[in-house]
């Protein structure tokens, strides 16, 4: 059993404690959202001065023993000093060790595993990597990061996600890509059809594992792990560790290097406040009042249900707002188009379910508004983490009745 735990009160590991498992929250029987968090959880009016991370950074990207051209691509992206997860994870991964990284979304963990994996493939072209993520959007984003980091290096990838043509993905797999990035459901489908051979991947990444468990992918993850080669390098990244996630850890990694760079607090660069208003129509009226203010330049609004997100989007659109919606019922092309419009500032307001709360790096979001309250503290932290990124000031507002 995996007995060691991550001590939530410091940044070191200790064998004297067990994991504190978080229980999954359920909706009440009438389908209405139960209030999980006290109002005080949404409030912090002041923004502390932005400071450098207190974790000591020991390396620059130029210090790592990686391919010269890869270093050039890293520099072209403006990367000089690694984030804490990158600083602590890249070297063990380069050494071929299994790694467990507990870090919040937005901590830079994508580059933490892509950089050493690209380097490994450059030195041994027969190496292949499988990267498994919970959502299509995160898979697309990782693939885009991969293309940027591997520019002119002939490291080819295949994106295996739902909502896109499986025939195209089959064709791409036949071209023997070095890296496959996909969601558990589509990976399982392609494996069952015998187009994806899991035993050919000796490098495996599970990213946002806690989210995969939360949305019901635990059986698929167990199946995929059972067909992986016994001798492999396994990289595991998660924001939290529940009992189900620990079960995955136990079957996935061997003698791992354990890295904990996760803070329990919301970023100090984000001001947080509540808006007290009762009734849906009153909430919509107040929301429109806020959105008309000049400082609300690029706004991400979270709703609880797909229906509610669409309904709110239509109401705002009819009032002349530049708005789009994002949820799981949209096709992959629709979802990618909406995200592109929001990233490029062609749409000012994006209304989404929690599908947009993790993994997406959308620049310059001025405000996050929780039109519907989040179910858990973790959901809240991930939602508001879409603003206040890259050392910028952000603002989070939560409607409470």
Protein backbone atom coordinates (compact mmCIF):
# COMPACT_ATOMS: atom_id res chain seq x y z
CA UNK A 1 0.00 0.00 0.00
CA UNK A 2 1.06 3.53 -0.61
CA UNK A 3 1.41 4.61 3.02
CA UNK A 4 3.22 7.92 2.79
CA UNK A 5 1.15 11.07 2.60
CA UNK A 6 1.54 14.65 1.53
CA UNK A 7 1.55 16.85 4.60
CA UNK A 8 -0.85 19.69 3.91
CA UNK A 9 0.93 21.97 6.40
CA UNK A 10 4.33 22.06 4.71
CA UNK A 11 6.03 21.19 1.47
CA UNK A 12 7.68 17.97 2.58
CA UNK A 13 6.63 14.33 2.68
CA UNK A 14 6.29 12.35 5.87
CA UNK A 15 5.63 8.69 6.62
CA UNK A 16 3.95 9.54 9.91
CA UNK A 17 0.63 10.59 8.39
CA UNK A 18 -2.03 9.02 6.25
CA UNK A 19 -3.91 10.66 3.43
CA UNK A 20 -6.98 12.61 4.46
CA UNK A 21 -9.50 11.49 1.89
CA UNK A 22 -12.08 13.93 0.61
CA UNK A 23 -15.58 12.61 0.14
CA UNK A 24 -17.46 13.24 -3.07
CA UNK A 25 -20.32 15.69 -2.70
CA UNK A 26 -23.75 14.76 -3.92
CA UNK A 27 -26.70 16.78 -5.00
CA UNK A 28 -29.86 16.63 -2.92
CA UNK A 29 -32.69 14.41 -4.06
CA UNK A 30 -34.68 17.23 -5.57
CA UNK A 31 -31.81 17.98 -7.96
CA UNK A 32 -31.10 21.39 -6.47
CA UNK A 33 -27.55 22.30 -5.55
CA UNK A 34 -26.83 21.91 -1.86
CA UNK A 35 -24.92 24.76 -0.24
CA UNK A 36 -21.52 23.29 0.58
CA UNK A 37 -19.44 26.35 1.45
CA UNK A 38 -19.98 29.14 3.96
CA UNK A 39 -20.30 32.63 2.54
CA UNK A 40 -16.98 33.58 4.17
CA UNK A 41 -15.20 31.18 1.81
CA UNK A 42 -15.88 33.54 -1.08
CA UNK A 43 -14.59 36.75 0.49
CA UNK A 44 -11.21 38.43 0.40
CA UNK A 45 -11.51 42.04 -0.67
CA UNK A 46 -7.86 43.00 -0.55
CA UNK A 47 -5.19 41.74 -2.91
CA UNK A 48 -1.81 41.05 -1.38
CA UNK A 49 1.25 42.29 -3.26
CA UNK A 50 2.37 39.71 -5.82
CA UNK A 51 5.55 38.08 -4.58
CA UNK A 52 7.84 35.43 -5.91
CA UNK A 53 7.02 31.88 -4.87
CA UNK A 54 8.67 31.13 -1.54
CA UNK A 55 9.83 27.75 -2.81
CA UNK A 56 13.51 27.98 -3.67
CA UNK A 57 14.12 27.51 -7.39
CA UNK A 58 17.39 25.65 -7.91
CA UNK A 59 17.58 25.54 -11.70
CA UNK A 60 17.22 27.59 -14.83
CA UNK A 61 16.00 25.83 -17.99
CA UNK A 62 19.51 26.25 -19.39
CA UNK A 63 20.86 24.07 -16.54
CA UNK A 64 19.00 20.90 -17.60
CA UNK A 65 20.85 18.36 -19.74
CA UNK A 66 18.45 18.44 -22.66
CA UNK A 67 18.73 18.82 -26.42
CA UNK A 68 20.06 22.20 -27.60
CA UNK A 69 17.19 22.75 -30.04
CA UNK A 70 14.67 21.91 -27.33
CA UNK A 71 16.29 24.57 -25.13
CA UNK A 72 15.91 27.05 -27.98
CA UNK A 73 12.21 26.24 -28.27
CA UNK A 74 11.81 26.68 -24.51
CA UNK A 75 13.51 30.08 -24.72
CA UNK A 76 11.28 31.11 -27.65
CA UNK A 77 8.28 30.63 -25.37
CA UNK A 78 9.84 33.07 -22.93
CA UNK A 79 10.64 30.40 -20.35
CA UNK A 80 13.77 31.18 -18.32
CA UNK A 81 13.08 30.26 -14.71
CA UNK A 82 11.08 27.07 -14.07
CA UNK A 83 8.02 27.05 -11.87
CA UNK A 84 8.38 25.00 -8.64
CA UNK A 85 6.81 21.88 -10.17
CA UNK A 86 9.04 22.18 -13.24
CA UNK A 87 12.14 22.79 -11.12
CA UNK A 88 11.52 19.69 -9.02
CA UNK A 89 10.05 17.31 -11.62
CA UNK A 90 12.10 17.72 -14.81
CA UNK A 91 15.36 16.24 -13.50
CA UNK A 92 13.82 13.08 -11.95
CA UNK A 93 11.84 12.51 -15.15
CA UNK A 94 15.02 12.92 -17.21
CA UNK A 95 16.58 10.27 -14.96
CA UNK A 96 13.76 7.85 -15.80
CA UNK A 97 12.14 7.86 -12.36
CA UNK A 98 8.43 7.60 -11.67
CA UNK A 99 7.03 10.86 -10.35
CA UNK A 100 3.98 11.86 -8.32
CA UNK A 101 3.31 15.58 -8.56
CA UNK A 102 0.60 17.18 -6.46
CA UNK A 103 0.11 20.65 -7.87
CA UNK A 104 -2.77 22.90 -8.78
CA UNK A 105 -3.86 23.57 -12.32
CA UNK A 106 -1.91 26.49 -13.75
CA UNK A 107 1.27 25.48 -11.91
CA UNK A 108 3.16 24.67 -15.12
CA UNK A 109 3.06 20.89 -14.86
CA UNK A 110 2.38 20.40 -18.58
CA UNK A 111 5.86 21.64 -19.48
CA UNK A 112 7.21 19.72 -16.47
CA UNK A 113 6.42 16.42 -18.18
CA UNK A 114 6.54 17.44 -21.86
CA UNK A 115 10.09 18.78 -21.81
CA UNK A 116 11.76 15.58 -20.47
CA UNK A 117 9.50 13.33 -22.58
CA UNK A 118 10.41 15.21 -25.78
CA UNK A 119 14.07 14.97 -24.84
CA UNK A 120 13.75 11.23 -24.22
CA UNK A 121 12.16 10.69 -27.64
CA UNK A 122 14.86 12.77 -29.36
CA UNK A 123 17.52 10.46 -27.92
CA UNK A 124 15.60 7.22 -28.58
CA UNK A 125 13.11 7.46 -31.42
CA UNK A 126 11.51 4.13 -30.52
CA UNK A 127 10.22 5.63 -27.26
CA UNK A 128 6.50 6.42 -27.18
CA UNK A 129 4.45 8.32 -24.63
CA UNK A 130 0.75 8.17 -23.73
CA UNK A 131 -0.75 11.21 -21.99
CA UNK A 132 -4.22 10.72 -20.48
CA UNK A 133 -6.32 13.72 -19.43
CA UNK A 134 -9.94 14.25 -18.32
CA UNK A 135 -11.22 16.68 -20.96
CA UNK A 136 -10.96 17.31 -24.69
CA UNK A 137 -10.02 20.94 -24.10
CA UNK A 138 -7.05 20.03 -21.91
CA UNK A 139 -5.92 17.42 -24.46
CA UNK A 140 -5.99 20.03 -27.24
CA UNK A 141 -4.09 22.52 -25.09
CA UNK A 142 -1.37 19.96 -24.23
CA UNK A 143 -1.08 19.07 -27.91
CA UNK A 144 -0.63 22.74 -28.78
CA UNK A 145 2.07 23.07 -26.10
CA UNK A 146 3.76 19.96 -27.47
CA UNK A 147 3.84 21.38 -30.99
CA UNK A 148 5.38 24.59 -29.71
CA UNK A 149 8.05 22.86 -27.60
CA UNK A 150 8.93 20.31 -30.32
CA UNK A 151 9.05 22.79 -33.21
CA UNK A 152 11.34 21.50 -36.00
CA UNK A 153 12.18 18.39 -33.95
CA UNK A 154 10.00 15.88 -35.86
CA UNK A 155 8.17 14.70 -32.75
CA UNK A 156 4.69 13.82 -33.96
CA UNK A 157 1.53 13.38 -31.92
CA UNK A 158 -2.00 12.04 -32.24
CA UNK A 159 -4.98 13.56 -30.46
CA UNK A 160 -7.49 10.88 -29.37
CA UNK A 161 -10.61 12.58 -28.03
CA UNK A 162 -14.34 12.29 -28.32
CA UNK A 163 -16.34 14.67 -30.46
CA UNK A 164 -13.80 14.41 -33.28
CA UNK A 165 -13.49 12.00 -36.19
CA UNK A 166 -12.36 8.60 -34.94
CA UNK A 167 -11.42 7.63 -38.51
CA UNK A 168 -8.95 10.51 -38.66
CA UNK A 169 -7.51 9.40 -35.34
CA UNK A 170 -7.16 5.83 -36.63
CA UNK A 171 -5.26 7.15 -39.64
CA UNK A 172 -2.98 9.20 -37.38
CA UNK A 173 -2.30 6.18 -35.16
CA UNK A 174 -1.29 4.12 -38.21
CA UNK A 175 1.42 6.73 -38.84
CA UNK A 176 3.01 5.62 -35.54
CA UNK A 177 3.15 8.93 -33.62
CA UNK A 178 5.66 9.31 -30.79
CA UNK A 179 3.09 10.81 -28.42
CA UNK A 180 -0.63 10.06 -28.04
CA UNK A 181 -2.74 12.50 -26.03
CA UNK A 182 -6.29 11.50 -25.22
CA UNK A 183 -9.25 11.18 -22.91
CA UNK A 184 -9.96 7.83 -21.19
CA UNK A 185 -13.18 7.04 -23.09
CA UNK A 186 -11.70 7.49 -26.56
CA UNK A 187 -8.47 5.71 -25.59
CA UNK A 188 -10.51 2.74 -24.37
CA UNK A 189 -12.57 2.77 -27.57
CA UNK A 190 -9.50 2.78 -29.82
CA UNK A 191 -7.89 0.05 -27.70
CA UNK A 192 -10.99 -2.14 -27.92
CA UNK A 193 -10.97 -1.69 -31.71
CA UNK A 194 -7.29 -2.73 -31.70
CA UNK A 195 -6.02 0.48 -33.27
CA UNK A 196 -4.23 1.61 -30.10
CA UNK A 197 -1.72 -0.84 -28.62
CA UNK A 198 -1.22 0.10 -24.99
CA UNK A 199 1.70 -2.27 -24.50
CA UNK A 200 3.80 -0.18 -26.89
CA UNK A 201 3.90 2.82 -24.55
CA UNK A 202 6.72 2.82 -22.04
CA UNK A 203 6.08 6.39 -20.89
CA UNK A 204 2.70 7.19 -19.34
CA UNK A 205 1.27 10.41 -17.93
CA UNK A 206 -1.95 10.69 -15.94
CA UNK A 207 -2.72 14.40 -15.73
CA UNK A 208 -5.53 15.91 -13.61
CA UNK A 209 -6.18 12.42 -12.25
CA UNK A 210 -8.53 13.67 -9.54
CA UNK A 211 -10.78 15.26 -12.15
CA UNK A 212 -10.85 12.02 -14.18
CA UNK A 213 -12.07 10.20 -11.08
CA UNK A 214 -14.64 12.90 -10.28
CA UNK A 215 -16.29 12.66 -13.71
CA UNK A 216 -16.48 8.87 -13.65
CA UNK A 217 -13.43 7.64 -15.56
CA UNK A 218 -12.08 5.38 -12.80
CA UNK A 219 -13.05 2.08 -14.57
CA UNK A 220 -11.41 3.24 -17.83
CA UNK A 221 -8.24 4.30 -16.02
CA UNK A 222 -8.00 0.93 -14.24
CA UNK A 223 -8.48 -0.89 -17.54
CA UNK A 224 -5.84 1.19 -19.32
CA UNK A 225 -3.30 0.69 -16.51
CA UNK A 226 -3.87 -3.07 -16.54
CA UNK A 227 -2.75 -3.31 -20.18
CA UNK A 228 0.34 -1.09 -19.91
CA UNK A 229 3.78 -2.72 -20.02
CA UNK A 230 5.12 -3.65 -16.59
CA UNK A 231 8.42 -1.91 -17.29
CA UNK A 232 7.58 1.73 -17.91
CA UNK A 233 8.04 5.26 -16.64
CA UNK A 234 4.87 6.49 -14.96
CA UNK A 235 4.14 10.15 -14.25
CA UNK A 236 1.15 11.04 -12.11
CA UNK A 237 -0.19 14.56 -11.60
CA UNK A 238 -3.18 15.58 -9.53
CA UNK A 239 -4.47 18.54 -7.55
CA UNK A 240 -5.89 16.47 -4.70
CA UNK A 241 -5.63 12.91 -3.38
CA UNK A 242 -8.84 11.03 -2.58
CA UNK A 243 -9.17 7.33 -1.74
CA UNK A 244 -9.92 6.54 -5.40
CA UNK A 245 -6.89 8.52 -6.52
CA UNK A 246 -4.70 6.70 -4.00
CA UNK A 247 -5.96 3.42 -5.47
CA UNK A 248 -4.70 4.55 -8.88
CA UNK A 249 -1.36 5.60 -7.40
CA UNK A 250 -0.84 2.18 -5.83
CA UNK A 251 -1.29 0.40 -9.17
CA UNK A 252 0.51 2.96 -11.30
CA UNK A 253 3.88 4.03 -9.91
CA UNK A 254 6.90 2.21 -8.45
CA UNK A 255 9.23 3.88 -5.94
CA UNK A 256 8.20 7.33 -7.12
CA UNK A 257 9.75 10.70 -6.48
CA UNK A 258 7.04 12.63 -4.66
CA UNK A 259 6.65 16.36 -5.22
CA UNK A 260 4.24 18.62 -3.38
CA UNK A 261 3.98 22.24 -4.50
CA UNK A 262 0.28 22.78 -3.92
CA UNK A 263 -1.00 25.60 -1.74
CA UNK A 264 -4.26 25.14 0.13
CA UNK A 265 -5.11 28.82 -0.25
CA UNK A 266 -6.48 30.66 -3.22
CA UNK A 267 -3.91 32.89 -4.97
CA UNK A 268 -3.19 36.16 -3.19
CA UNK A 269 -3.41 37.94 -6.55
CA UNK A 270 -7.18 37.38 -6.69
CA UNK A 271 -9.64 39.57 -4.80
CA UNK A 272 -12.76 37.68 -3.79
CA UNK A 273 -16.19 38.94 -2.82
CA UNK A 274 -19.83 37.92 -2.68
CA UNK A 275 -22.92 39.47 -4.26
CA UNK A 276 -26.06 38.91 -2.23
CA UNK A 277 -29.17 38.69 -4.38
CA UNK A 278 -32.22 36.38 -4.36
CA UNK A 279 -34.02 34.94 -7.37
CA UNK A 280 -32.74 34.10 -10.84
CA UNK A 281 -34.12 37.19 -12.56
CA UNK A 282 -32.63 39.48 -9.92
CA UNK A 283 -29.30 37.70 -10.35
CA UNK A 284 -29.45 38.24 -14.11
CA UNK A 285 -30.27 41.94 -13.67
CA UNK A 286 -27.34 42.39 -11.28
CA UNK A 287 -25.06 40.46 -13.61
CA UNK A 288 -25.94 42.72 -16.55
CA UNK A 289 -25.24 45.75 -14.39
CA UNK A 290 -21.77 44.42 -13.58
CA UNK A 291 -20.92 43.40 -17.13
CA UNK A 292 -21.62 46.92 -18.39
CA UNK A 293 -18.85 48.30 -16.18
CA UNK A 294 -15.63 49.17 -17.99
CA UNK A 295 -13.37 47.12 -15.71
CA UNK A 296 -15.17 43.88 -16.65
CA UNK A 297 -13.05 43.45 -19.77
CA UNK A 298 -12.88 39.67 -20.15
CA UNK A 299 -15.25 37.65 -17.98
CA UNK A 300 -15.65 33.93 -17.31
CA UNK A 301 -19.00 33.04 -15.73
CA UNK A 302 -19.66 29.63 -14.18
CA UNK A 303 -23.07 27.96 -14.06
CA UNK A 304 -24.07 24.62 -12.61
CA UNK A 305 -25.97 23.02 -15.50
CA UNK A 306 -25.75 22.91 -19.29
CA UNK A 307 -29.33 24.16 -19.57
CA UNK A 308 -28.69 27.03 -17.20
CA UNK A 309 -25.52 28.05 -19.06
CA UNK A 310 -27.34 28.13 -22.41
CA UNK A 311 -30.31 29.99 -20.94
CA UNK A 312 -28.10 32.69 -19.40
CA UNK A 313 -26.04 33.01 -22.57
CA UNK A 314 -29.13 33.57 -24.70
CA UNK A 315 -30.52 36.18 -22.31
CA UNK A 316 -27.26 38.15 -22.37
CA UNK A 317 -26.92 37.82 -26.15
CA UNK A 318 -30.39 39.28 -26.64
CA UNK A 319 -29.31 42.22 -24.48
CA UNK A 320 -26.41 42.94 -26.84
CA UNK A 321 -23.54 41.37 -24.91
CA UNK A 322 -20.63 39.66 -26.69
CA UNK A 323 -21.13 36.21 -25.19
CA UNK A 324 -20.65 32.50 -25.89
CA UNK A 325 -21.35 29.32 -23.92
CA UNK A 326 -19.31 26.18 -23.24
CA UNK A 327 -20.49 22.82 -21.90
CA UNK A 328 -20.30 19.09 -22.54
CA UNK A 329 -23.23 18.90 -24.97
CA UNK A 330 -21.45 20.99 -27.59
CA UNK A 331 -19.50 19.27 -30.35
CA UNK A 332 -15.74 19.33 -30.23
CA UNK A 333 -15.55 21.83 -33.09
CA UNK A 334 -18.02 24.12 -31.33
CA UNK A 335 -16.05 23.94 -28.07
CA UNK A 336 -12.73 24.68 -29.76
CA UNK A 337 -14.23 27.56 -31.72
CA UNK A 338 -15.71 29.14 -28.59
CA UNK A 339 -12.43 28.84 -26.68
CA UNK A 340 -10.53 30.35 -29.59
CA UNK A 341 -12.95 33.29 -29.77
CA UNK A 342 -12.61 33.91 -26.03
CA UNK A 343 -8.81 33.61 -26.03
CA UNK A 344 -8.52 36.01 -28.97
CA UNK A 345 -10.94 38.53 -27.38
CA UNK A 346 -13.50 38.14 -30.17
CA UNK A 347 -15.94 37.22 -27.41
CA UNK A 348 -15.88 39.22 -24.19
CA UNK A 349 -17.92 36.89 -21.98
CA UNK A 350 -17.75 33.09 -21.72
CA UNK A 351 -20.43 31.25 -19.73
CA UNK A 352 -19.43 27.68 -18.88
CA UNK A 353 -19.98 24.68 -16.67
CA UNK A 354 -17.07 23.32 -14.65
CA UNK A 355 -15.67 21.89 -17.87
CA UNK A 356 -13.76 25.19 -18.10
CA UNK A 357 -12.56 25.17 -14.48
CA UNK A 358 -9.46 23.05 -14.95
CA UNK A 359 -6.46 22.90 -17.19
CA UNK A 360 -7.39 25.73 -19.52
CA UNK A 361 -4.87 28.55 -19.76
CA UNK A 362 -6.87 31.54 -20.98
CA UNK A 363 -4.91 34.79 -20.80
CA UNK A 364 -6.08 38.07 -19.31
CA UNK A 365 -9.37 36.99 -17.72
CA UNK A 366 -10.23 40.06 -15.63
CA UNK A 367 -13.11 38.52 -13.67
CA UNK A 368 -14.51 35.13 -12.74
CA UNK A 369 -18.15 35.18 -11.67
CA UNK A 370 -19.80 32.22 -9.95
CA UNK A 371 -23.38 32.75 -11.09
CA UNK A 372 -24.15 29.40 -9.44
CA UNK A 373 -22.16 28.49 -6.34
CA UNK A 374 -19.57 25.70 -6.69
CA UNK A 375 -20.25 22.36 -5.02
CA UNK A 376 -16.89 22.05 -3.24
CA UNK A 377 -13.96 24.12 -2.06
CA UNK A 378 -11.79 22.43 -4.71
CA UNK A 379 -14.22 23.41 -7.46
CA UNK A 380 -14.16 27.00 -6.18
CA UNK A 381 -10.36 27.18 -6.17
CA UNK A 382 -10.17 25.80 -9.70
CA UNK A 383 -12.86 28.14 -11.00
CA UNK A 384 -11.34 31.35 -9.70
CA UNK A 385 -7.88 30.16 -10.74
CA UNK A 386 -8.80 31.11 -14.32
CA UNK A 387 -8.12 34.74 -13.37
CA UNK A 388 -5.10 36.31 -11.69
CA UNK A 389 -2.71 34.21 -13.78
CA UNK A 390 0.84 34.98 -14.91
CA UNK A 391 1.48 37.44 -12.05
CA UNK A 392 -1.59 39.54 -12.90
CA UNK A 393 -4.35 40.78 -10.63
CA UNK A 394 -7.71 39.00 -10.90
CA UNK A 395 -11.16 39.34 -9.40
CA UNK A 396 -13.68 36.68 -8.34
CA UNK A 397 -17.32 37.28 -7.48
CA UNK A 398 -19.82 34.73 -6.18
CA UNK A 399 -23.61 35.16 -6.18
CA UNK A 400 -25.22 33.98 -2.95
CA UNK A 401 -28.90 33.94 -2.09
